[in-house]
Protein backbone atom coordinates (compact mmCIF):
# COMPACT_ATOMS: atom_id res chain seq x y z
CA MET A 1 -149.14 43.61 -10.40
CA ALA A 2 -147.89 45.69 -12.69
CA THR A 3 -150.29 49.48 -13.22
CA ARG A 4 -150.70 51.03 -16.54
CA ASP A 5 -148.59 53.36 -16.42
CA GLU A 6 -145.41 50.87 -15.61
CA SER A 7 -146.75 48.67 -18.80
CA ARG A 8 -145.60 51.67 -20.92
CA ILE A 9 -141.76 51.33 -19.97
CA GLU A 10 -139.72 52.09 -22.66
CA PRO A 11 -136.68 49.84 -23.05
CA ARG A 12 -133.73 50.44 -21.28
CA GLN A 13 -130.63 51.36 -23.64
CA SER A 14 -129.11 47.95 -23.07
CA ASP A 15 -132.27 46.30 -24.17
CA LYS A 16 -132.70 47.96 -27.42
CA PRO A 17 -130.85 46.45 -30.72
CA GLU A 18 -127.54 48.10 -32.10
CA ASP A 19 -127.96 49.77 -34.89
CA HIS A 20 -124.79 49.07 -37.10
CA SER A 21 -126.33 50.72 -40.27
CA GLU A 22 -123.98 53.87 -41.34
CA PRO A 23 -126.43 56.83 -41.51
CA LEU A 24 -127.55 57.91 -44.51
CA PRO A 25 -125.76 60.50 -46.68
CA PRO A 26 -127.79 63.91 -46.53
CA ASN A 27 -129.22 65.58 -49.61
CA LEU A 28 -129.54 62.32 -52.01
CA ARG A 29 -129.83 63.40 -55.38
CA PRO A 30 -132.95 61.17 -57.09
CA TRP A 31 -131.70 59.06 -59.66
CA SER A 32 -134.31 60.60 -62.08
CA SER A 33 -132.63 63.77 -61.74
CA LEU A 34 -129.04 62.24 -63.08
CA GLU A 35 -128.08 62.82 -67.08
CA THR A 36 -127.76 59.87 -69.20
CA ASP A 37 -123.41 59.53 -69.08
CA GLU A 38 -123.62 59.63 -65.53
CA LYS A 39 -126.13 57.41 -64.54
CA THR A 40 -123.35 55.25 -67.31
CA ARG A 41 -120.95 56.08 -65.00
CA LEU A 42 -122.39 55.31 -62.01
CA GLN A 43 -123.49 51.61 -63.52
CA VAL A 44 -120.27 51.03 -64.98
CA ALA A 45 -118.48 51.81 -61.52
CA TYR A 46 -121.06 49.63 -59.87
CA GLY A 47 -120.38 46.91 -61.76
CA GLN A 48 -116.92 46.75 -61.17
CA TRP A 49 -118.30 46.55 -57.22
CA LEU A 50 -120.41 44.04 -58.26
CA ASP A 51 -117.93 41.40 -59.46
CA GLN A 52 -116.69 41.44 -55.95
CA LEU A 53 -119.28 40.01 -54.95
CA PRO A 54 -121.28 36.47 -55.32
CA PRO A 55 -123.49 36.05 -57.97
CA THR A 56 -127.56 36.16 -57.34
CA CYS A 57 -130.44 35.30 -59.15
CA SER A 58 -132.72 37.46 -57.20
CA LEU A 59 -134.44 40.04 -58.63
CA GLU A 60 -134.68 41.85 -55.03
CA THR A 61 -131.18 41.47 -53.90
CA LYS A 62 -129.75 43.54 -56.97
CA ILE A 63 -132.23 46.17 -56.69
CA ALA A 64 -131.22 45.97 -52.56
CA ARG A 65 -127.23 46.45 -53.51
CA PHE A 66 -128.06 48.76 -56.33
CA THR A 67 -129.54 50.74 -53.81
CA ALA A 68 -127.82 50.41 -51.03
CA TRP A 69 -124.39 51.03 -53.32
CA LEU A 70 -126.03 54.25 -55.01
CA GLU A 71 -127.08 55.23 -51.49
CA GLN A 72 -123.14 55.31 -50.52
CA HIS A 73 -122.89 57.66 -53.03
CA GLY A 74 -125.11 60.19 -52.54
CA ILE A 75 -127.78 59.04 -55.04
CA ASP A 76 -131.62 58.07 -54.02
CA TYR A 77 -132.52 54.83 -56.32
CA ASP A 78 -136.16 53.94 -56.44
CA ALA A 79 -137.62 51.05 -58.82
CA ARG A 80 -140.79 51.54 -58.89
CA HIS A 81 -139.62 55.45 -60.43
CA ASP A 82 -137.18 53.63 -62.85
CA THR A 83 -138.55 54.92 -66.16
CA ARG A 84 -136.47 52.45 -67.88
CA HIS A 85 -138.66 50.02 -69.87
CA ASP A 86 -138.18 46.27 -70.42
CA ALA A 87 -139.34 45.06 -73.63
CA ARG A 88 -139.36 41.35 -72.39
CA HIS A 89 -142.55 41.79 -70.73
CA ASP A 90 -144.52 43.97 -73.38
CA THR A 91 -146.26 41.75 -75.65
CA ARG A 92 -147.37 44.28 -77.69
CA HIS A 93 -144.38 43.96 -80.73
CA LEU A 94 -145.23 40.60 -81.16
CA ALA A 95 -146.92 39.28 -84.51
CA VAL A 96 -149.89 37.72 -84.71
CA THR A 97 -149.85 35.03 -86.84
CA ASP A 98 -152.60 32.72 -86.17
CA ARG A 99 -155.54 33.93 -87.44
CA THR A 100 -157.91 30.84 -87.76
């Protein structure tokens, strides 16, 4: 029968899954702090890299790919803080035509 202390034993090193991810570069710069020309340069370079990958319609996959690529280039990108405005989801520009 196991005692209380035995039930809290950490898994042995061999029992833990191996971490194959690359360490994040130190001192990531926030995407929001970059100048427009630097953002454009990075987006062009990312587009060239992206052309080598299979296409996807998944917004989550697109954001994950962009975020991971930027991290490899020393940039921290958080889509929740992206200040771009998507007009497709803004209905304020639609004219009211039915006034009955």
